[in-house]
Protein backbone atom coordinates (compact mmCIF):
# COMPACT_ATOMS: atom_id res chain seq x y z
CA MET A 1 173.25 -126.86 16.28
CA GLU A 2 171.18 -126.30 19.44
CA VAL A 3 169.75 -129.84 19.20
CA GLY A 4 173.84 -130.81 19.30
CA PHE A 5 174.27 -128.69 22.64
CA VAL A 6 170.51 -130.00 24.47
CA LEU A 7 171.79 -133.82 23.42
CA PHE A 8 175.23 -133.24 24.87
CA ALA A 9 173.66 -131.84 27.90
CA LEU A 10 171.23 -134.92 28.61
CA PHE A 11 174.41 -137.02 28.07
CA VAL A 12 176.50 -135.11 30.55
CA LEU A 13 173.81 -135.56 33.14
CA LEU A 14 173.27 -139.13 32.81
CA VAL A 15 177.01 -140.27 32.72
CA SER A 16 177.27 -137.94 35.89
CA TYR A 17 173.83 -139.35 37.91
CA ALA A 18 175.89 -143.04 36.85
CA ILE A 19 179.24 -142.12 37.97
CA PHE A 20 177.45 -140.73 41.61
CA ARG A 21 175.44 -143.46 42.18
CA TYR A 22 178.52 -145.60 41.30
CA GLU A 23 180.81 -143.75 43.65
CA GLN A 24 178.00 -143.58 45.99
CA PRO A 25 176.19 -147.20 46.27
CA ASN A 26 173.11 -147.33 48.76
CA LYS A 27 173.67 -148.88 52.14
CA PRO A 28 172.12 -152.50 52.31
CA ARG A 29 169.02 -152.57 54.76
CA GLY A 30 169.36 -155.47 56.64
CA LYS A 31 169.53 -156.41 60.50
CA ILE A 32 172.78 -156.53 61.45
CA THR A 33 173.16 -159.05 63.78
CA GLY A 34 176.28 -157.38 65.80
CA ARG A 35 177.98 -160.96 65.37
CA GLY A 36 179.18 -161.29 61.57
CA GLY A 37 176.09 -163.18 60.42
CA ASP A 38 175.36 -160.35 57.91
CA PHE A 39 178.47 -160.92 56.40
CA GLN A 40 178.56 -163.09 53.04
CA ASP A 41 180.73 -166.47 52.88
CA GLU A 42 182.98 -166.28 50.12
């Protein structure tokens, strides 16, 4: 029973971390030119 609880807690922590990383992505680290040169062409 304790093993199942530990595995469940680890799963919840892993999913919470993944959701947090998805919702709060890192800012891109690049030189911002201020002239639109840092945007991707689609």
